[in-house]
Amino acid sequence: MVLMTMIARVADALPLAASIQEDEQAGRSLMDYQAQAKQLFRKISTDPQPPGRCSLESGPYIFHYIIERGVCYLILCDKSFSKRLAFQYLDDLQTEFSLQYGGRVETVSRPYSFIEFDTYIQKARKSYMDSRARKNLNNINTELQDVHRIMVQNIDDVLQRGETLSALDMKASNLSSVSQKYKKDSSYLNLRSSYAKIAAIIIVVIVFLLFIKFWW
């Protein structure tokens, strides 16, 4: 479930739009996560090269965000919610927000200048929560670019320990490279093992044939 959606300008972390899901169980604690989201926006605004897509764990929930055309689109959702669907949802919001307000993003100075975008957020959120819609999306979108290589980090690494998002993204890239190398090495070793087994079988057959030829 997507519990919170926030949109902010990257340059100065100015909130542009937001939508918080009313949830009696999570409602009291969402204020803390909203504060974390605002801290994250400020962190992104000071990072010279923040990753374009990132996931950050925070307690029982997880933040996902994307950055497009100087705007950061961020959601808070349950850890069980599909990562691929989460980024598909963010891409959906980005496309519609750019169409409606793309030309005005740099001109506003008042927080939540586009708060009316909440109407579209609620509509999109509902469609992604619907089981039939989720099933269709799973069938259509078999893989979302870059999602598979996004390494999930803890938000404390960024907000409290002061590590830059670009450093986390570098770690994710390195991990992806190491993983690919491991896969290649594993395939090579498996291939060598197969060749060795085949060679051993051939040798056994040849020895058996020679034994028959000279001893029978």
Protein backbone atom coordinates (compact mmCIF):
# COMPACT_ATOMS: atom_id res chain seq x y z
CA MET A 1 0.00 0.00 0.00
CA VAL A 2 1.19 3.51 -0.84
CA LEU A 3 0.76 5.60 2.31
CA MET A 4 2.25 8.90 1.25
CA THR A 5 3.15 10.71 -1.97
CA MET A 6 5.21 13.89 -2.06
CA ILE A 7 6.58 15.97 -4.93
CA ALA A 8 9.30 18.58 -4.48
CA ARG A 9 11.57 20.81 -6.54
CA VAL A 10 15.12 19.46 -6.44
CA ALA A 11 16.94 22.81 -6.52
CA ASP A 12 15.63 24.05 -3.17
CA ALA A 13 13.54 21.17 -1.78
CA LEU A 14 10.36 23.24 -2.11
CA PRO A 15 7.30 20.95 -1.68
CA LEU A 16 5.05 21.21 -4.74
CA ALA A 17 2.31 18.69 -4.02
CA ALA A 18 1.49 15.96 -1.52
CA SER A 19 -1.06 13.34 -0.65
CA ILE A 20 -1.20 11.35 2.58
CA GLN A 21 -3.40 8.30 2.85
CA GLU A 22 -5.72 8.33 5.83
CA ASP A 23 -4.84 5.25 7.86
CA GLU A 24 -5.96 4.89 11.47
CA GLN A 25 -3.22 2.41 12.29
CA ALA A 26 -0.38 4.36 10.64
CA GLY A 27 -1.78 7.88 10.89
CA ARG A 28 0.00 8.88 14.09
CA SER A 29 3.41 7.82 12.87
CA LEU A 30 3.14 9.24 9.35
CA MET A 31 4.05 12.71 10.61
CA ASP A 32 7.51 11.38 11.42
CA TYR A 33 7.86 9.91 7.94
CA GLN A 34 6.68 13.15 6.38
CA ALA A 35 9.45 14.94 8.30
CA GLN A 36 11.92 12.34 7.03
CA ALA A 37 10.74 12.93 3.47
CA LYS A 38 11.36 16.67 3.81
CA GLN A 39 14.84 15.99 5.21
CA LEU A 40 15.49 13.69 2.27
CA PHE A 41 14.42 16.41 -0.19
CA ARG A 42 16.90 18.80 1.45
CA LYS A 43 19.59 16.13 1.25
CA ILE A 44 18.90 15.63 -2.44
CA SER A 45 19.05 19.38 -3.08
CA THR A 46 22.58 19.53 -1.67
CA ASP A 47 23.86 16.41 -3.42
CA PRO A 48 25.64 17.35 -6.67
CA GLN A 49 24.75 14.04 -8.34
CA PRO A 50 21.87 12.28 -6.57
CA PRO A 51 20.78 8.97 -8.12
CA GLY A 52 17.80 9.27 -10.44
CA ARG A 53 16.06 6.34 -8.73
CA CYS A 54 16.53 5.23 -5.16
CA SER A 55 14.95 3.14 -2.39
CA LEU A 56 15.45 3.80 1.31
CA GLU A 57 14.13 1.67 4.17
CA SER A 58 12.62 3.40 7.19
CA GLY A 59 11.27 1.15 9.91
CA PRO A 60 8.42 -1.03 8.59
CA TYR A 61 8.12 1.10 5.44
CA ILE A 62 10.21 2.04 2.44
CA PHE A 63 10.71 5.24 0.48
CA HIS A 64 11.01 5.09 -3.31
CA TYR A 65 11.76 8.15 -5.38
CA ILE A 66 12.65 9.24 -8.89
CA ILE A 67 14.09 12.53 -10.15
CA GLU A 68 13.00 13.90 -13.52
CA ARG A 69 13.44 17.42 -14.97
CA GLY A 70 14.42 18.95 -11.68
CA VAL A 71 11.52 17.45 -9.74
CA CYS A 72 11.63 14.66 -7.16
CA TYR A 73 8.65 12.29 -6.90
CA LEU A 74 8.63 10.31 -3.66
CA ILE A 75 6.36 7.73 -2.08
CA LEU A 76 6.24 5.87 1.22
CA CYS A 77 4.80 2.38 1.08
CA ASP A 78 4.79 -0.99 2.79
CA LYS A 79 7.89 -3.09 2.22
CA SER A 80 5.65 -5.81 0.79
CA PHE A 81 4.45 -3.55 -2.03
CA SER A 82 5.98 -4.46 -5.39
CA LYS A 83 9.12 -2.42 -6.07
CA ARG A 84 8.45 -2.54 -9.79
CA LEU A 85 4.89 -1.30 -9.36
CA ALA A 86 6.11 1.45 -7.04
CA PHE A 87 8.43 2.84 -9.70
CA GLN A 88 5.78 2.40 -12.37
CA TYR A 89 3.45 4.47 -10.20
CA LEU A 90 6.12 7.15 -9.80
CA ASP A 91 6.69 7.23 -13.55
CA ASP A 92 2.95 7.64 -14.04
CA LEU A 93 2.86 10.61 -11.66
CA GLN A 94 5.90 12.16 -13.30
CA THR A 95 4.36 11.99 -16.76
CA GLU A 96 1.09 13.59 -15.70
CA PHE A 97 2.69 16.21 -13.45
CA SER A 98 5.05 17.28 -16.23
CA LEU A 99 2.13 17.64 -18.63
CA GLN A 100 0.12 19.77 -16.22
CA TYR A 101 2.77 21.84 -14.47
CA GLY A 102 6.14 21.23 -16.14
CA GLY A 103 6.40 24.80 -17.45
CA ARG A 104 5.57 26.38 -14.09
CA VAL A 105 7.79 24.42 -11.72
CA GLU A 106 10.60 26.97 -11.77
CA THR A 107 8.31 29.99 -11.33
CA VAL A 108 6.50 29.16 -8.08
CA SER A 109 7.74 30.19 -4.64
CA ARG A 110 4.85 29.14 -2.40
CA PRO A 111 4.94 25.62 -0.85
CA TYR A 112 2.39 23.19 -2.27
CA SER A 113 1.54 25.46 -5.19
CA PHE A 114 0.17 22.44 -7.06
CA ILE A 115 -1.72 20.83 -4.19
CA GLU A 116 -4.68 20.27 -6.53
CA PHE A 117 -2.60 17.52 -8.13
CA ASP A 118 -3.74 15.44 -5.15
CA THR A 119 -6.86 14.60 -7.19
CA TYR A 120 -4.77 12.80 -9.80
CA ILE A 121 -2.56 11.21 -7.13
CA GLN A 122 -5.60 9.70 -5.41
CA LYS A 123 -6.94 8.39 -8.71
CA ALA A 124 -3.61 6.85 -9.72
CA ARG A 125 -3.05 5.39 -6.28
CA LYS A 126 -6.45 3.71 -6.35
CA SER A 127 -5.78 2.16 -9.74
CA TYR A 128 -2.45 0.74 -8.56
CA MET A 129 -4.03 -0.65 -5.41
CA ASP A 130 -6.75 -2.43 -7.37
CA SER A 131 -5.88 -6.12 -7.63
CA ARG A 132 -6.98 -6.42 -11.25
CA ALA A 133 -4.97 -3.37 -12.28
CA ARG A 134 -1.92 -4.71 -10.46
CA LYS A 135 -2.33 -8.05 -12.24
CA ASN A 136 -2.51 -6.33 -15.62
CA LEU A 137 0.56 -4.23 -14.85
CA ASN A 138 2.46 -7.34 -13.82
CA ASN A 139 1.59 -8.95 -17.14
CA ILE A 140 2.41 -5.90 -19.28
CA ASN A 141 5.49 -4.54 -17.53
CA THR A 142 7.74 -7.56 -17.23
CA GLU A 143 10.75 -5.45 -16.36
CA LEU A 144 11.29 -1.77 -15.54
CA GLN A 145 14.61 -0.26 -16.57
CA ASP A 146 17.14 0.14 -13.72
CA VAL A 147 14.82 -1.18 -11.00
CA HIS A 148 16.68 -4.48 -10.78
CA ARG A 149 19.94 -2.71 -9.89
CA ILE A 150 18.56 -0.34 -7.25
CA MET A 151 20.07 -1.37 -3.94
CA VAL A 152 17.84 -0.72 -0.93
CA GLN A 153 19.54 1.33 1.79
CA ASN A 154 18.48 2.46 5.25
CA ILE A 155 17.42 6.10 5.40
CA ASP A 156 19.53 6.59 8.54
CA ASP A 157 22.62 6.12 6.37
CA VAL A 158 21.64 9.30 4.56
CA LEU A 159 19.91 11.48 7.14
CA GLN A 160 21.85 10.68 10.31
CA ARG A 161 25.22 9.35 9.23
CA GLY A 162 25.51 11.95 6.50
CA GLU A 163 26.40 9.64 3.61
CA THR A 164 25.61 11.13 0.22
CA LEU A 165 23.03 9.57 -2.04
CA SER A 166 25.51 9.58 -4.90
CA ALA A 167 27.83 7.43 -2.77
CA LEU A 168 25.00 4.95 -2.17
CA ASP A 169 24.27 4.90 -5.88
CA MET A 170 27.95 4.18 -6.55
CA LYS A 171 27.79 1.25 -4.15
CA ALA A 172 24.72 -0.04 -5.97
CA SER A 173 26.51 0.27 -9.32
CA ASN A 174 29.57 -1.53 -7.96
CA LEU A 175 27.40 -4.26 -6.48
CA SER A 176 25.66 -4.68 -9.82
CA SER A 177 29.02 -4.94 -11.60
CA VAL A 178 30.32 -7.49 -9.10
CA SER A 179 27.09 -9.47 -9.45
CA GLN A 180 27.41 -9.53 -13.24
CA LYS A 181 31.05 -10.62 -12.97
CA TYR A 182 30.07 -13.35 -10.51
CA LYS A 183 27.42 -14.61 -12.92
CA LYS A 184 29.93 -14.70 -15.78
CA ASP A 185 32.54 -16.48 -13.63
CA SER A 186 29.94 -18.97 -12.44
CA SER A 187 28.86 -19.69 -16.01
CA TYR A 188 32.50 -20.15 -17.06
CA LEU A 189 33.20 -22.52 -14.18
CA ASN A 190 30.02 -24.48 -14.87
CA LEU A 191 31.03 -24.77 -18.52
CA ARG A 192 34.52 -25.99 -17.58
CA SER A 193 33.00 -28.48 -15.17
CA SER A 194 30.72 -29.81 -17.92
CA TYR A 195 33.65 -30.14 -20.34
CA ALA A 196 35.67 -31.97 -17.67
CA LYS A 197 32.84 -34.43 -17.07
CA ILE A 198 32.46 -35.07 -20.80
CA ALA A 199 36.23 -35.53 -21.17
CA ALA A 200 36.27 -38.00 -18.29
CA ILE A 201 33.46 -40.01 -19.86
CA ILE A 202 35.25 -40.08 -23.23
CA ILE A 203 38.48 -41.27 -21.59
CA VAL A 204 36.64 -44.03 -19.75
CA VAL A 205 34.99 -45.15 -23.01
CA ILE A 206 38.32 -45.13 -24.90
CA VAL A 207 40.04 -47.13 -22.15
CA PHE A 208 37.17 -49.60 -22.15
CA LEU A 209 37.34 -50.02 -25.93
CA LEU A 210 41.12 -50.50 -25.84
CA PHE A 211 40.71 -53.08 -23.08
CA ILE A 212 38.21 -55.01 -25.20
CA LYS A 213 40.40 -54.79 -28.30
CA PHE A 214 43.62 -56.09 -26.70
CA TRP A 215 42.23 -58.53 -24.18
CA TRP A 216 39.38 -60.19 -26.06
